[in-house]
Amino acid sequence: MTINIEKYQFLKPRKGYVAVKVAEETKKQGMISSGATEDRAYGYIVARHPDDQHGLELGELVVYNEYEGQELFKFDKITEDGILIIKADEIICSVK
């Protein structure tokens, strides 16, 4: 899946936070299996602080705990659900 990063340029997470677009298709493709990974979720980094020191890149597919972060509900510029603000330290790993 390709993410349109420009669509989220208005998001400016504070230092230490990232905005993640939940990747629903990863469940369908079998990237999440049963068992120990049930509490894991996948998403794409769509915004980060310019001075981020965590090495996270825009568009990168990452794994995080399913119940981490705060969901941004629909408002002026967001027309779909599934945008989370998560502490960058809560990102478990990237998927390359």
Protein backbone atom coordinates (compact mmCIF):
# COMPACT_ATOMS: atom_id res chain seq x y z
CA MET A 1 0.00 0.00 0.00
CA THR A 2 1.25 3.47 -0.85
CA ILE A 3 0.50 6.30 1.57
CA ASN A 4 -0.03 9.85 0.34
CA ILE A 5 2.15 11.65 2.91
CA GLU A 6 1.32 15.11 1.50
CA LYS A 7 -2.29 14.59 2.59
CA TYR A 8 -1.16 14.74 6.24
CA GLN A 9 1.31 17.66 6.06
CA PHE A 10 -0.95 19.76 8.27
CA LEU A 11 -0.29 17.37 11.20
CA LYS A 12 2.58 18.57 13.38
CA PRO A 13 3.19 16.10 16.22
CA ARG A 14 5.10 17.39 19.22
CA LYS A 15 8.62 16.19 19.79
CA GLY A 16 8.60 12.52 20.78
CA TYR A 17 5.30 11.75 19.02
CA VAL A 18 4.35 10.47 15.57
CA ALA A 19 1.11 10.30 13.60
CA VAL A 20 0.31 6.79 12.33
CA LYS A 21 -2.25 5.74 9.72
CA VAL A 22 -3.61 2.35 10.77
CA ALA A 23 -2.85 -0.29 8.13
CA GLU A 24 -5.99 -2.42 8.03
CA GLU A 25 -4.82 -4.43 5.02
CA THR A 26 -2.02 -6.04 7.05
CA LYS A 27 -4.57 -8.16 8.92
CA LYS A 28 -6.01 -9.41 5.63
CA GLN A 29 -2.58 -10.25 4.23
CA GLY A 30 -1.68 -12.42 7.21
CA MET A 31 0.99 -10.15 8.67
CA ILE A 32 -0.76 -10.46 12.02
CA SER A 33 -1.08 -14.05 13.17
CA SER A 34 -2.97 -15.51 16.08
CA GLY A 35 -1.41 -15.99 19.49
CA ALA A 36 1.13 -13.65 21.04
CA THR A 37 0.80 -10.98 18.35
CA GLU A 38 -2.91 -10.32 18.87
CA ASP A 39 -2.14 -7.12 20.74
CA ARG A 40 0.09 -5.80 17.95
CA ALA A 41 -0.98 -3.48 15.15
CA TYR A 42 0.61 -2.10 12.00
CA GLY A 43 0.54 1.40 10.59
CA TYR A 44 2.35 3.90 8.41
CA ILE A 45 4.18 6.95 9.77
CA VAL A 46 2.40 9.92 8.17
CA ALA A 47 3.80 12.79 10.30
CA ARG A 48 6.61 13.28 12.79
CA HIS A 49 8.42 16.12 14.51
CA PRO A 50 11.22 17.54 12.32
CA ASP A 51 13.75 16.99 15.11
CA ASP A 52 12.74 13.36 15.72
CA GLN A 53 15.69 11.36 17.01
CA HIS A 54 14.04 7.94 16.75
CA GLY A 55 15.03 7.24 13.14
CA LEU A 56 11.43 6.89 11.95
CA GLU A 57 10.81 7.84 8.34
CA LEU A 58 7.62 9.12 6.73
CA GLY A 59 5.75 6.31 4.96
CA GLU A 60 7.52 3.61 6.99
CA LEU A 61 5.44 0.60 8.06
CA VAL A 62 5.77 0.10 11.82
CA VAL A 63 4.50 -2.23 14.55
CA TYR A 64 3.04 -0.85 17.78
CA ASN A 65 0.86 -2.08 20.64
CA GLU A 66 -2.75 -2.16 19.48
CA TYR A 67 -4.12 0.00 22.27
CA GLU A 68 -1.39 2.69 22.23
CA GLY A 69 -1.97 6.25 21.19
CA GLN A 70 -4.86 8.61 20.83
CA GLU A 71 -7.10 8.49 17.77
CA LEU A 72 -7.79 11.70 15.92
CA PHE A 73 -11.46 11.83 15.13
CA LYS A 74 -12.79 13.41 11.97
CA PHE A 75 -12.43 17.16 11.72
CA ASP A 76 -11.84 19.74 8.99
CA LYS A 77 -8.87 18.13 7.24
CA ILE A 78 -9.18 14.45 8.19
CA THR A 79 -11.87 12.62 6.28
CA GLU A 80 -11.20 9.07 7.38
CA ASP A 81 -10.72 7.23 10.64
CA GLY A 82 -7.57 5.48 11.70
CA ILE A 83 -5.08 8.27 12.42
CA LEU A 84 -3.33 7.81 15.76
CA ILE A 85 -0.91 9.99 17.68
CA ILE A 86 1.58 7.67 19.37
CA LYS A 87 4.71 8.23 21.45
CA ALA A 88 7.66 7.43 19.22
CA ASP A 89 9.09 5.30 22.04
CA GLU A 90 6.01 3.03 21.77
CA ILE A 91 6.92 1.94 18.23
CA ILE A 92 8.14 -1.65 18.60
CA CYS A 93 9.86 -2.02 15.22
CA SER A 94 9.69 -1.13 11.55
CA VAL A 95 8.82 -3.56 8.78
CA LYS A 96 11.02 -3.27 5.71
